[in-house]
Amino acid sequence: MAEMWRLFVALELPPAVRAELVRVQAQLKQQVPPQTIRWVNPEGIHLTLKFLGDTPAVKQSSLERALTQAAEGHAQFDLAAGGLGCFPNLKRPRVAWVGLHQNLDALVALRNSVEEHIAPLGYPTENHPFNPHLTVGRVRREARRSDVERVGEFIASAPPGEPVPFRVAAVTLFRSELKPDGAVYTALFHASLEPA
């Protein structure tokens, strides 16, 4: 039977952005009751462009070709990470995230190019709108309603902080391996964007 890998396409984050995510998590941890949020390990946070799921390992080279084509014609660009938000809304937050700013048109164009070049390999294009964000935590299903409301109240009133700029220079194909102590992510391939 073919070896299956759990794959996704994402942008890697530099240390300065990860440090900001750690700072935001620490701020939230001080404000919300313990056991309300399941925190995401900052080392495992990426800006996901396309989740591929279980994929035969032999497809790696065709995915690499598709990502190389997807990156062609796209110049490197800058983004900034900052500001706290949540999905679906402040009354019933389920996911806490840090937002992205600047050059979102370039980000959306890059994501659409990835979708377009990967679709022929058997990965249907996403129907829902692309909402770029960096997930820092997920509200636990069993959390008390009053605790969940406190999460929303804090997010609504959190100071925005100083956005952390970073350069997007490549699209990365990642493998995700689920281990007992959390997922381990391995970068398999980088498709470089053109110098700005």
N, C-alpha and C. Protein backbone atom coordinates (compact mmCIF):
# COMPACT_ATOMS: atom_id res chain seq x y z
N MET A 1 0.84 -1.19 0.00
CA MET A 1 0.00 0.00 0.00
C MET A 1 0.88 1.25 0.00
N ALA A 2 0.44 2.29 -0.71
CA ALA A 2 1.24 3.52 -0.83
C ALA A 2 1.39 4.21 0.53
N GLU A 3 2.59 4.71 0.78
CA GLU A 3 2.82 5.47 2.02
C GLU A 3 2.08 6.80 1.92
N MET A 4 1.31 7.13 2.98
CA MET A 4 0.51 8.36 2.99
C MET A 4 1.14 9.38 3.92
N TRP A 5 1.21 10.62 3.46
CA TRP A 5 1.71 11.73 4.27
C TRP A 5 0.61 12.77 4.40
N ARG A 6 0.53 13.37 5.57
CA ARG A 6 -0.41 14.47 5.80
C ARG A 6 0.31 15.77 5.43
N LEU A 7 -0.15 16.43 4.39
CA LEU A 7 0.58 17.57 3.84
C LEU A 7 -0.26 18.85 3.83
N PHE A 8 0.44 19.98 3.84
CA PHE A 8 -0.21 21.28 3.66
C PHE A 8 0.80 22.27 3.10
N VAL A 9 0.28 23.34 2.51
CA VAL A 9 1.11 24.40 1.92
C VAL A 9 0.95 25.63 2.80
N ALA A 10 2.06 26.25 3.18
CA ALA A 10 1.98 27.40 4.11
C ALA A 10 3.16 28.34 3.93
N LEU A 11 3.07 29.47 4.61
CA LEU A 11 4.18 30.40 4.71
C LEU A 11 4.83 30.20 6.07
N GLU A 12 6.15 30.11 6.09
CA GLU A 12 6.87 30.00 7.35
C GLU A 12 6.93 31.37 8.02
N LEU A 13 6.98 31.36 9.34
CA LEU A 13 7.03 32.61 10.11
C LEU A 13 8.42 32.78 10.72
N PRO A 14 8.95 34.01 10.68
CA PRO A 14 10.27 34.25 11.28
C PRO A 14 10.18 34.31 12.81
N PRO A 15 11.34 34.21 13.49
CA PRO A 15 11.35 34.23 14.96
C PRO A 15 10.65 35.46 15.57
N ALA A 16 10.75 36.63 14.96
CA ALA A 16 10.13 37.83 15.54
C ALA A 16 8.61 37.70 15.60
N VAL A 17 8.02 37.06 14.58
CA VAL A 17 6.57 36.86 14.59
C VAL A 17 6.19 35.82 15.64
N ARG A 18 6.98 34.75 15.73
CA ARG A 18 6.69 33.73 16.76
C ARG A 18 6.77 34.34 18.16
N ALA A 19 7.73 35.24 18.36
CA ALA A 19 7.87 35.91 19.67
C ALA A 19 6.63 36.74 19.97
N GLU A 20 6.07 37.39 18.96
CA GLU A 20 4.84 38.16 19.15
C GLU A 20 3.67 37.23 19.50
N LEU A 21 3.61 36.07 18.88
CA LEU A 21 2.54 35.11 19.19
C LEU A 21 2.66 34.62 20.63
N VAL A 22 3.89 34.40 21.08
CA VAL A 22 4.11 34.00 22.48
C VAL A 22 3.64 35.11 23.42
N ARG A 23 3.96 36.36 23.07
CA ARG A 23 3.56 37.51 23.90
C ARG A 23 2.03 37.61 23.98
N VAL A 24 1.36 37.43 22.85
CA VAL A 24 -0.11 37.51 22.82
C VAL A 24 -0.72 36.37 23.65
N GLN A 25 -0.16 35.17 23.51
CA GLN A 25 -0.66 34.05 24.31
C GLN A 25 -0.50 34.32 25.81
N ALA A 26 0.66 34.87 26.20
CA ALA A 26 0.90 35.16 27.62
C ALA A 26 -0.12 36.18 28.13
N GLN A 27 -0.41 37.16 27.32
CA GLN A 27 -1.39 38.19 27.67
C GLN A 27 -2.77 37.56 27.86
N LEU A 28 -3.15 36.71 26.93
CA LEU A 28 -4.46 36.05 27.01
C LEU A 28 -4.53 35.13 28.23
N LYS A 29 -3.45 34.40 28.49
CA LYS A 29 -3.43 33.45 29.62
C LYS A 29 -3.67 34.16 30.94
N GLN A 30 -3.19 35.42 31.05
CA GLN A 30 -3.39 36.18 32.28
C GLN A 30 -4.85 36.59 32.45
N GLN A 31 -5.57 36.70 31.34
CA GLN A 31 -6.92 37.28 31.38
C GLN A 31 -8.05 36.26 31.39
N VAL A 32 -7.81 35.06 30.86
CA VAL A 32 -8.91 34.10 30.76
C VAL A 32 -8.73 33.00 31.80
N PRO A 33 -9.85 32.44 32.29
CA PRO A 33 -9.75 31.37 33.29
C PRO A 33 -8.97 30.18 32.73
N PRO A 34 -8.19 29.50 33.59
CA PRO A 34 -7.43 28.34 33.12
C PRO A 34 -8.37 27.29 32.52
N GLN A 35 -7.87 26.50 31.64
CA GLN A 35 -8.63 25.41 30.99
C GLN A 35 -9.74 25.91 30.05
N THR A 36 -9.76 27.21 29.74
CA THR A 36 -10.77 27.72 28.80
C THR A 36 -10.29 27.56 27.37
N ILE A 37 -8.98 27.76 27.16
CA ILE A 37 -8.41 27.73 25.81
C ILE A 37 -7.34 26.65 25.70
N ARG A 38 -7.37 25.92 24.58
CA ARG A 38 -6.30 24.97 24.25
C ARG A 38 -5.31 25.75 23.38
N TRP A 39 -4.10 25.94 23.89
CA TRP A 39 -3.12 26.80 23.22
C TRP A 39 -2.40 26.06 22.11
N VAL A 40 -2.10 26.78 21.04
CA VAL A 40 -1.33 26.23 19.92
C VAL A 40 0.14 26.52 20.20
N ASN A 41 0.98 25.51 20.03
CA ASN A 41 2.42 25.69 20.21
C ASN A 41 2.92 26.70 19.17
N PRO A 42 3.51 27.82 19.59
CA PRO A 42 3.95 28.84 18.63
C PRO A 42 4.91 28.30 17.57
N GLU A 43 5.69 27.26 17.92
CA GLU A 43 6.62 26.67 16.94
C GLU A 43 5.86 26.02 15.79
N GLY A 44 4.61 25.65 16.03
CA GLY A 44 3.82 24.96 15.00
C GLY A 44 2.86 25.86 14.26
N ILE A 45 2.93 27.17 14.49
CA ILE A 45 2.00 28.08 13.82
C ILE A 45 2.58 28.51 12.48
N HIS A 46 1.77 28.35 11.44
CA HIS A 46 2.13 28.77 10.09
C HIS A 46 0.96 29.54 9.52
N LEU A 47 1.18 30.21 8.41
CA LEU A 47 0.08 30.82 7.67
C LEU A 47 -0.29 29.84 6.56
N THR A 48 -1.30 29.02 6.83
CA THR A 48 -1.69 27.96 5.90
C THR A 48 -2.39 28.54 4.67
N LEU A 49 -1.90 28.15 3.50
CA LEU A 49 -2.51 28.57 2.24
C LEU A 49 -3.42 27.48 1.68
N LYS A 50 -3.06 26.21 1.92
CA LYS A 50 -3.85 25.10 1.40
C LYS A 50 -3.55 23.85 2.21
N PHE A 51 -4.61 23.25 2.77
CA PHE A 51 -4.47 21.97 3.48
C PHE A 51 -4.74 20.86 2.47
N LEU A 52 -3.79 19.94 2.34
CA LEU A 52 -3.91 18.87 1.35
C LEU A 52 -4.40 17.56 1.98
N GLY A 53 -4.13 17.37 3.27
CA GLY A 53 -4.57 16.15 3.94
C GLY A 53 -3.70 14.96 3.57
N ASP A 54 -4.25 13.76 3.77
CA ASP A 54 -3.50 12.53 3.51
C ASP A 54 -3.24 12.39 2.02
N THR A 55 -1.96 12.32 1.67
CA THR A 55 -1.51 12.34 0.29
C THR A 55 -0.48 11.24 0.07
N PRO A 56 -0.57 10.48 -1.02
CA PRO A 56 0.47 9.49 -1.28
C PRO A 56 1.84 10.18 -1.38
N ALA A 57 2.84 9.64 -0.69
CA ALA A 57 4.17 10.25 -0.67
C ALA A 57 4.74 10.41 -2.08
N VAL A 58 4.35 9.51 -3.00
CA VAL A 58 4.88 9.58 -4.38
C VAL A 58 4.40 10.82 -5.13
N LYS A 59 3.40 11.53 -4.58
CA LYS A 59 2.92 12.76 -5.23
C LYS A 59 3.80 13.97 -4.94
N GLN A 60 4.79 13.81 -4.06
CA GLN A 60 5.60 14.95 -3.63
C GLN A 60 6.21 15.70 -4.81
N SER A 61 6.81 15.00 -5.77
CA SER A 61 7.49 15.70 -6.86
C SER A 61 6.50 16.48 -7.74
N SER A 62 5.31 15.95 -7.97
CA SER A 62 4.32 16.70 -8.77
C SER A 62 3.81 17.91 -7.99
N LEU A 63 3.70 17.80 -6.67
CA LEU A 63 3.32 18.95 -5.84
C LEU A 63 4.42 20.02 -5.88
N GLU A 64 5.67 19.59 -5.84
CA GLU A 64 6.79 20.54 -5.90
C GLU A 64 6.76 21.31 -7.22
N ARG A 65 6.51 20.61 -8.33
CA ARG A 65 6.43 21.27 -9.63
C ARG A 65 5.29 22.28 -9.65
N ALA A 66 4.12 21.87 -9.11
CA ALA A 66 2.95 22.77 -9.09
C ALA A 66 3.23 24.01 -8.25
N LEU A 67 3.91 23.85 -7.12
CA LEU A 67 4.21 25.00 -6.25
C LEU A 67 5.24 25.92 -6.90
N THR A 68 6.20 25.34 -7.62
CA THR A 68 7.18 26.16 -8.34
C THR A 68 6.46 27.03 -9.37
N GLN A 69 5.52 26.42 -10.10
CA GLN A 69 4.74 27.17 -11.09
C GLN A 69 3.86 28.22 -10.40
N ALA A 70 3.29 27.87 -9.25
CA ALA A 70 2.42 28.80 -8.51
C ALA A 70 3.20 30.03 -8.05
N ALA A 71 4.48 29.84 -7.70
CA ALA A 71 5.29 30.95 -7.18
C ALA A 71 5.82 31.85 -8.30
N GLU A 72 5.91 31.31 -9.52
CA GLU A 72 6.44 32.09 -10.65
C GLU A 72 5.58 33.32 -10.90
N GLY A 73 6.23 34.44 -11.16
CA GLY A 73 5.48 35.66 -11.45
C GLY A 73 5.01 36.40 -10.21
N HIS A 74 5.30 35.85 -9.03
CA HIS A 74 4.94 36.53 -7.77
C HIS A 74 6.21 37.04 -7.12
N ALA A 75 6.27 38.36 -6.91
CA ALA A 75 7.43 38.96 -6.25
C ALA A 75 7.30 38.80 -4.74
N GLN A 76 8.44 38.79 -4.06
CA GLN A 76 8.44 38.80 -2.60
C GLN A 76 7.68 40.03 -2.11
N PHE A 77 7.04 39.90 -0.95
CA PHE A 77 6.29 41.04 -0.40
C PHE A 77 6.32 40.99 1.12
N ASP A 78 5.94 42.12 1.73
CA ASP A 78 5.95 42.22 3.20
C ASP A 78 4.54 42.09 3.75
N LEU A 79 4.45 41.40 4.90
CA LEU A 79 3.22 41.36 5.69
C LEU A 79 3.57 41.86 7.09
N ALA A 80 2.55 42.12 7.89
CA ALA A 80 2.76 42.46 9.29
C ALA A 80 1.75 41.68 10.12
N ALA A 81 2.21 41.09 11.22
CA ALA A 81 1.34 40.34 12.12
C ALA A 81 1.06 41.19 13.35
N GLY A 82 -0.21 41.27 13.73
CA GLY A 82 -0.56 42.03 14.93
C GLY A 82 -2.05 42.17 15.10
N GLY A 83 -2.47 42.43 16.32
CA GLY A 83 -3.89 42.60 16.61
C GLY A 83 -4.55 41.26 16.88
N LEU A 84 -5.43 41.25 17.86
CA LEU A 84 -6.09 40.02 18.30
C LEU A 84 -7.53 40.00 17.80
N GLY A 85 -7.98 38.83 17.36
CA GLY A 85 -9.36 38.68 16.92
C GLY A 85 -9.83 37.26 17.20
N CYS A 86 -11.06 36.95 16.80
CA CYS A 86 -11.58 35.59 17.03
C CYS A 86 -12.62 35.23 15.98
N PHE A 87 -12.86 33.95 15.83
CA PHE A 87 -13.94 33.40 15.00
C PHE A 87 -14.88 32.65 15.92
N PRO A 88 -16.18 32.55 15.67
CA PRO A 88 -16.87 33.29 14.60
C PRO A 88 -17.19 34.74 14.99
N ASN A 89 -17.32 35.00 16.31
CA ASN A 89 -17.60 36.38 16.75
C ASN A 89 -17.22 36.54 18.22
N LEU A 90 -17.31 37.79 18.71
CA LEU A 90 -16.89 38.08 20.08
C LEU A 90 -17.83 37.51 21.14
N LYS A 91 -19.07 37.24 20.77
CA LYS A 91 -20.03 36.67 21.74
C LYS A 91 -19.79 35.18 21.97
N ARG A 92 -19.36 34.50 20.89
CA ARG A 92 -19.12 33.05 20.99
C ARG A 92 -17.77 32.70 20.37
N PRO A 93 -16.67 33.20 20.92
CA PRO A 93 -15.37 32.91 20.31
C PRO A 93 -15.04 31.42 20.38
N ARG A 94 -14.57 30.87 19.26
CA ARG A 94 -14.11 29.47 19.24
C ARG A 94 -12.61 29.42 18.95
N VAL A 95 -12.13 30.38 18.14
CA VAL A 95 -10.72 30.42 17.75
C VAL A 95 -10.18 31.82 18.02
N ALA A 96 -9.06 31.92 18.75
CA ALA A 96 -8.39 33.21 18.97
C ALA A 96 -7.22 33.30 18.00
N TRP A 97 -7.07 34.46 17.36
CA TRP A 97 -6.02 34.60 16.35
C TRP A 97 -5.37 35.98 16.38
N VAL A 98 -4.19 36.02 15.75
CA VAL A 98 -3.49 37.28 15.49
C VAL A 98 -3.69 37.57 14.01
N GLY A 99 -3.99 38.83 13.69
CA GLY A 99 -4.31 39.20 12.32
C GLY A 99 -3.08 39.51 11.48
N LEU A 100 -3.33 39.66 10.18
CA LEU A 100 -2.27 40.01 9.23
C LEU A 100 -2.67 41.26 8.49
N HIS A 101 -1.68 42.10 8.19
CA HIS A 101 -1.92 43.41 7.58
C HIS A 101 -0.88 43.64 6.48
N GLN A 102 -1.12 44.67 5.66
CA GLN A 102 -0.23 45.09 4.56
C GLN A 102 -0.24 44.07 3.42
N ASN A 103 -0.28 44.54 2.23
CA ASN A 103 -0.11 43.71 1.03
C ASN A 103 -0.97 42.45 1.01
N LEU A 104 -2.19 42.57 1.55
CA LEU A 104 -3.06 41.39 1.57
C LEU A 104 -3.47 41.00 0.15
N ASP A 105 -3.49 41.96 -0.78
CA ASP A 105 -3.79 41.62 -2.17
C ASP A 105 -2.75 40.67 -2.74
N ALA A 106 -1.47 40.91 -2.42
CA ALA A 106 -0.39 40.04 -2.88
C ALA A 106 -0.52 38.65 -2.25
N LEU A 107 -0.91 38.62 -0.97
CA LEU A 107 -1.10 37.34 -0.27
C LEU A 107 -2.24 36.55 -0.91
N VAL A 108 -3.36 37.21 -1.16
CA VAL A 108 -4.52 36.53 -1.76
C VAL A 108 -4.17 36.04 -3.17
N ALA A 109 -3.45 36.85 -3.93
CA ALA A 109 -3.05 36.44 -5.28
C ALA A 109 -2.15 35.20 -5.23
N LEU A 110 -1.25 35.15 -4.27
CA LEU A 110 -0.35 34.00 -4.12
C LEU A 110 -1.16 32.77 -3.73
N ARG A 111 -2.06 32.93 -2.78
CA ARG A 111 -2.90 31.81 -2.35
C ARG A 111 -3.74 31.29 -3.51
N ASN A 112 -4.32 32.20 -4.31
CA ASN A 112 -5.14 31.79 -5.45
C ASN A 112 -4.30 31.05 -6.49
N SER A 113 -3.06 31.47 -6.66
CA SER A 113 -2.15 30.80 -7.59
C SER A 113 -1.85 29.38 -7.11
N VAL A 114 -1.65 29.22 -5.80
CA VAL A 114 -1.43 27.88 -5.23
C VAL A 114 -2.66 27.00 -5.50
N GLU A 115 -3.84 27.53 -5.22
CA GLU A 115 -5.10 26.78 -5.47
C GLU A 115 -5.17 26.34 -6.94
N GLU A 116 -4.93 27.28 -7.82
CA GLU A 116 -5.07 27.05 -9.27
C GLU A 116 -4.11 25.96 -9.76
N HIS A 117 -2.87 25.97 -9.26
CA HIS A 117 -1.87 25.02 -9.75
C HIS A 117 -1.96 23.65 -9.07
N ILE A 118 -2.57 23.61 -7.89
CA ILE A 118 -2.66 22.33 -7.18
C ILE A 118 -3.97 21.60 -7.51
N ALA A 119 -5.01 22.35 -7.89
CA ALA A 119 -6.31 21.74 -8.20
C ALA A 119 -6.22 20.59 -9.21
N PRO A 120 -5.45 20.72 -10.31
CA PRO A 120 -5.39 19.62 -11.28
C PRO A 120 -4.82 18.32 -10.72
N LEU A 121 -4.16 18.39 -9.57
CA LEU A 121 -3.58 17.19 -8.96
C LEU A 121 -4.59 16.46 -8.07
N GLY A 122 -5.82 16.97 -8.05
CA GLY A 122 -6.86 16.28 -7.28
C GLY A 122 -7.22 16.93 -5.96
N TYR A 123 -6.91 18.23 -5.83
CA TYR A 123 -7.23 18.97 -4.60
C TYR A 123 -8.22 20.07 -4.95
N PRO A 124 -9.51 19.84 -4.73
CA PRO A 124 -10.52 20.82 -5.14
C PRO A 124 -10.27 22.20 -4.53
N THR A 125 -10.62 23.22 -5.30
CA THR A 125 -10.46 24.60 -4.84
C THR A 125 -11.42 24.86 -3.69
N GLU A 126 -10.93 25.61 -2.69
CA GLU A 126 -11.76 25.95 -1.52
C GLU A 126 -12.91 26.87 -1.94
N ASN A 127 -14.09 26.63 -1.39
CA ASN A 127 -15.24 27.49 -1.70
C ASN A 127 -15.35 28.68 -0.75
N HIS A 128 -14.87 28.49 0.51
CA HIS A 128 -15.03 29.57 1.49
C HIS A 128 -13.96 30.64 1.27
N PRO A 129 -14.27 31.89 1.63
CA PRO A 129 -13.31 32.97 1.41
C PRO A 129 -12.04 32.76 2.25
N PHE A 130 -10.92 33.22 1.72
CA PHE A 130 -9.64 33.12 2.41
C PHE A 130 -9.57 34.22 3.45
N ASN A 131 -9.37 33.83 4.70
CA ASN A 131 -9.36 34.76 5.81
C ASN A 131 -8.02 34.63 6.53
N PRO A 132 -6.95 35.28 6.05
CA PRO A 132 -5.62 35.02 6.60
C PRO A 132 -5.51 35.42 8.07
N HIS A 133 -4.99 34.48 8.87
CA HIS A 133 -4.83 34.72 10.31
C HIS A 133 -3.85 33.69 10.87
N LEU A 134 -3.39 33.92 12.10
CA LEU A 134 -2.49 33.00 12.79
C LEU A 134 -3.19 32.55 14.07
N THR A 135 -3.62 31.31 14.12
CA THR A 135 -4.37 30.79 15.28
C THR A 135 -3.44 30.63 16.47
N VAL A 136 -3.81 31.25 17.61
CA VAL A 136 -3.01 31.11 18.84
C VAL A 136 -3.67 30.19 19.86
N GLY A 137 -4.99 29.97 19.73
CA GLY A 137 -5.67 29.08 20.66
C GLY A 137 -7.09 28.77 20.21
N ARG A 138 -7.62 27.65 20.73
CA ARG A 138 -8.99 27.25 20.43
C ARG A 138 -9.75 27.08 21.75
N VAL A 139 -10.91 27.69 21.82
CA VAL A 139 -11.72 27.60 23.04
C VAL A 139 -12.21 26.16 23.19
N ARG A 140 -12.05 25.62 24.39
CA ARG A 140 -12.45 24.23 24.64
C ARG A 140 -13.98 24.11 24.58
N ARG A 141 -14.44 23.02 24.00
CA ARG A 141 -15.90 22.79 23.89
C ARG A 141 -16.58 22.77 25.25
N GLU A 142 -15.85 22.23 26.24
CA GLU A 142 -16.46 22.08 27.58
C GLU A 142 -16.33 23.33 28.44
N ALA A 143 -15.76 24.39 27.92
CA ALA A 143 -15.57 25.63 28.69
C ALA A 143 -16.92 26.22 29.10
N ARG A 144 -16.96 26.78 30.33
CA ARG A 144 -18.20 27.40 30.81
C ARG A 144 -18.55 28.61 29.97
N ARG A 145 -19.82 28.84 29.79
CA ARG A 145 -20.28 29.95 28.95
C ARG A 145 -19.74 31.29 29.44
N SER A 146 -19.72 31.48 30.76
CA SER A 146 -19.23 32.76 31.31
C SER A 146 -17.74 32.95 31.01
N ASP A 147 -16.98 31.83 31.02
CA ASP A 147 -15.55 31.91 30.70
C ASP A 147 -15.35 32.24 29.22
N VAL A 148 -16.19 31.64 28.38
CA VAL A 148 -16.10 31.90 26.93
C VAL A 148 -16.41 33.38 26.67
N GLU A 149 -17.40 33.92 27.37
CA GLU A 149 -17.75 35.34 27.21
C GLU A 149 -16.59 36.24 27.62
N ARG A 150 -15.86 35.83 28.68
CA ARG A 150 -14.70 36.62 29.13
C ARG A 150 -13.61 36.65 28.06
N VAL A 151 -13.46 35.55 27.34
CA VAL A 151 -12.48 35.51 26.24
C VAL A 151 -12.84 36.59 25.21
N GLY A 152 -14.12 36.61 24.81
CA GLY A 152 -14.58 37.60 23.84
C GLY A 152 -14.41 39.02 24.34
N GLU A 153 -14.72 39.25 25.61
CA GLU A 153 -14.60 40.59 26.19
C GLU A 153 -13.14 41.06 26.18
N PHE A 154 -12.22 40.15 26.53
CA PHE A 154 -10.81 40.54 26.55
C PHE A 154 -10.32 40.84 25.14
N ILE A 155 -10.69 39.99 24.17
CA ILE A 155 -10.25 40.20 22.79
C ILE A 155 -10.77 41.54 22.28
N ALA A 156 -12.02 41.87 22.63
CA ALA A 156 -12.61 43.14 22.19
C ALA A 156 -11.86 44.34 22.74
N SER A 157 -11.32 44.20 23.95
CA SER A 157 -10.69 45.36 24.60
C SER A 157 -9.16 45.33 24.56
N ALA A 158 -8.58 44.27 23.96
CA ALA A 158 -7.11 44.13 23.96
C ALA A 158 -6.47 45.25 23.17
N PRO A 159 -5.40 45.85 23.72
CA PRO A 159 -4.68 46.88 22.96
C PRO A 159 -4.07 46.25 21.71
N PRO A 160 -4.06 46.96 20.58
CA PRO A 160 -3.62 46.35 19.33
C PRO A 160 -2.15 45.93 19.29
N GLY A 161 -1.29 46.59 20.05
CA GLY A 161 0.13 46.25 20.01
C GLY A 161 0.75 46.74 18.70
N GLU A 162 2.05 46.62 18.62
CA GLU A 162 2.79 47.09 17.43
C GLU A 162 2.90 45.94 16.44
N PRO A 163 2.39 46.10 15.19
CA PRO A 163 2.49 45.01 14.21
C PRO A 163 3.95 44.64 13.93
N VAL A 164 4.20 43.34 13.75
CA VAL A 164 5.55 42.84 13.49
C VAL A 164 5.68 42.54 12.00
N PRO A 165 6.52 43.32 11.27
CA PRO A 165 6.65 43.10 9.83
C PRO A 165 7.52 41.88 9.52
N PHE A 166 7.22 41.24 8.39
CA PHE A 166 8.08 40.16 7.91
C PHE A 166 7.94 40.02 6.39
N ARG A 167 8.97 39.46 5.78
CA ARG A 167 9.04 39.31 4.33
C ARG A 167 8.57 37.90 3.94
N VAL A 168 7.69 37.83 2.93
CA VAL A 168 7.27 36.55 2.37
C VAL A 168 8.14 36.30 1.14
N ALA A 169 9.01 35.29 1.22
CA ALA A 169 9.98 35.02 0.16
C ALA A 169 9.78 33.66 -0.49
N ALA A 170 8.95 32.80 0.11
CA ALA A 170 8.76 31.45 -0.44
C ALA A 170 7.46 30.85 0.06
N VAL A 171 6.99 29.87 -0.68
CA VAL A 171 5.86 29.04 -0.29
C VAL A 171 6.44 27.68 0.08
N THR A 172 5.96 27.09 1.17
CA THR A 172 6.58 25.85 1.67
C THR A 172 5.57 24.71 1.71
N LEU A 173 6.01 23.54 1.26
CA LEU A 173 5.24 22.31 1.40
C LEU A 173 5.67 21.65 2.71
N PHE A 174 4.71 21.43 3.60
CA PHE A 174 4.99 20.85 4.90
C PHE A 174 4.36 19.47 5.04
N ARG A 175 5.06 18.63 5.81
CA ARG A 175 4.48 17.37 6.26
C ARG A 175 4.15 17.52 7.74
N SER A 176 2.97 17.04 8.12
CA SER A 176 2.54 17.08 9.51
C SER A 176 2.44 15.65 10.03
N GLU A 177 3.16 15.36 11.12
CA GLU A 177 3.10 14.03 11.74
C GLU A 177 2.50 14.18 13.13
N LEU A 178 1.41 13.49 13.38
CA LEU A 178 0.74 13.59 14.68
C LEU A 178 1.42 12.66 15.67
N LYS A 179 1.98 13.25 16.72
CA LYS A 179 2.68 12.51 17.77
C LYS A 179 1.88 12.65 19.07
N PRO A 180 2.16 11.80 20.07
CA PRO A 180 1.42 11.89 21.34
C PRO A 180 1.49 13.27 21.99
N ASP A 181 2.63 13.98 21.82
CA ASP A 181 2.76 15.29 22.47
C ASP A 181 2.51 16.44 21.48
N GLY A 182 1.79 16.16 20.39
CA GLY A 182 1.43 17.21 19.43
C GLY A 182 2.01 16.94 18.05
N ALA A 183 1.63 17.76 17.11
CA ALA A 183 2.07 17.57 15.73
C ALA A 183 3.51 18.04 15.54
N VAL A 184 4.23 17.34 14.68
CA VAL A 184 5.59 17.72 14.29
C VAL A 184 5.53 18.10 12.82
N TYR A 185 6.07 19.28 12.48
CA TYR A 185 6.01 19.78 11.11
C TYR A 185 7.40 19.75 10.48
N THR A 186 7.47 19.22 9.28
CA THR A 186 8.73 19.16 8.55
C THR A 186 8.56 19.86 7.21
N ALA A 187 9.43 20.83 6.94
CA ALA A 187 9.41 21.51 5.64
C ALA A 187 10.04 20.58 4.61
N LEU A 188 9.29 20.22 3.58
CA LEU A 188 9.76 19.30 2.54
C LEU A 188 10.32 20.04 1.33
N PHE A 189 9.77 21.24 1.04
CA PHE A 189 10.15 21.93 -0.18
C PHE A 189 9.78 23.40 -0.09
N HIS A 190 10.68 24.27 -0.61
CA HIS A 190 10.42 25.71 -0.66
C HIS A 190 10.37 26.14 -2.11
N ALA A 191 9.28 26.79 -2.52
CA ALA A 191 9.18 27.39 -3.84
C ALA A 191 9.40 28.88 -3.66
N SER A 192 10.53 29.38 -4.16
CA SER A 192 10.90 30.78 -3.93
C SER A 192 10.10 31.75 -4.81
N LEU A 193 9.74 32.88 -4.20
CA LEU A 193 9.14 33.96 -4.97
C LEU A 193 10.26 34.76 -5.63
N GLU A 194 9.90 35.56 -6.61
CA GLU A 194 10.91 36.35 -7.31
C GLU A 194 11.36 37.53 -6.45
N PRO A 195 12.64 37.90 -6.52
CA PRO A 195 13.11 39.05 -5.72
C PRO A 195 12.28 40.30 -6.04
N ALA A 196 11.99 41.08 -5.01
CA ALA A 196 11.15 42.27 -5.19
C ALA A 196 11.91 43.33 -5.96
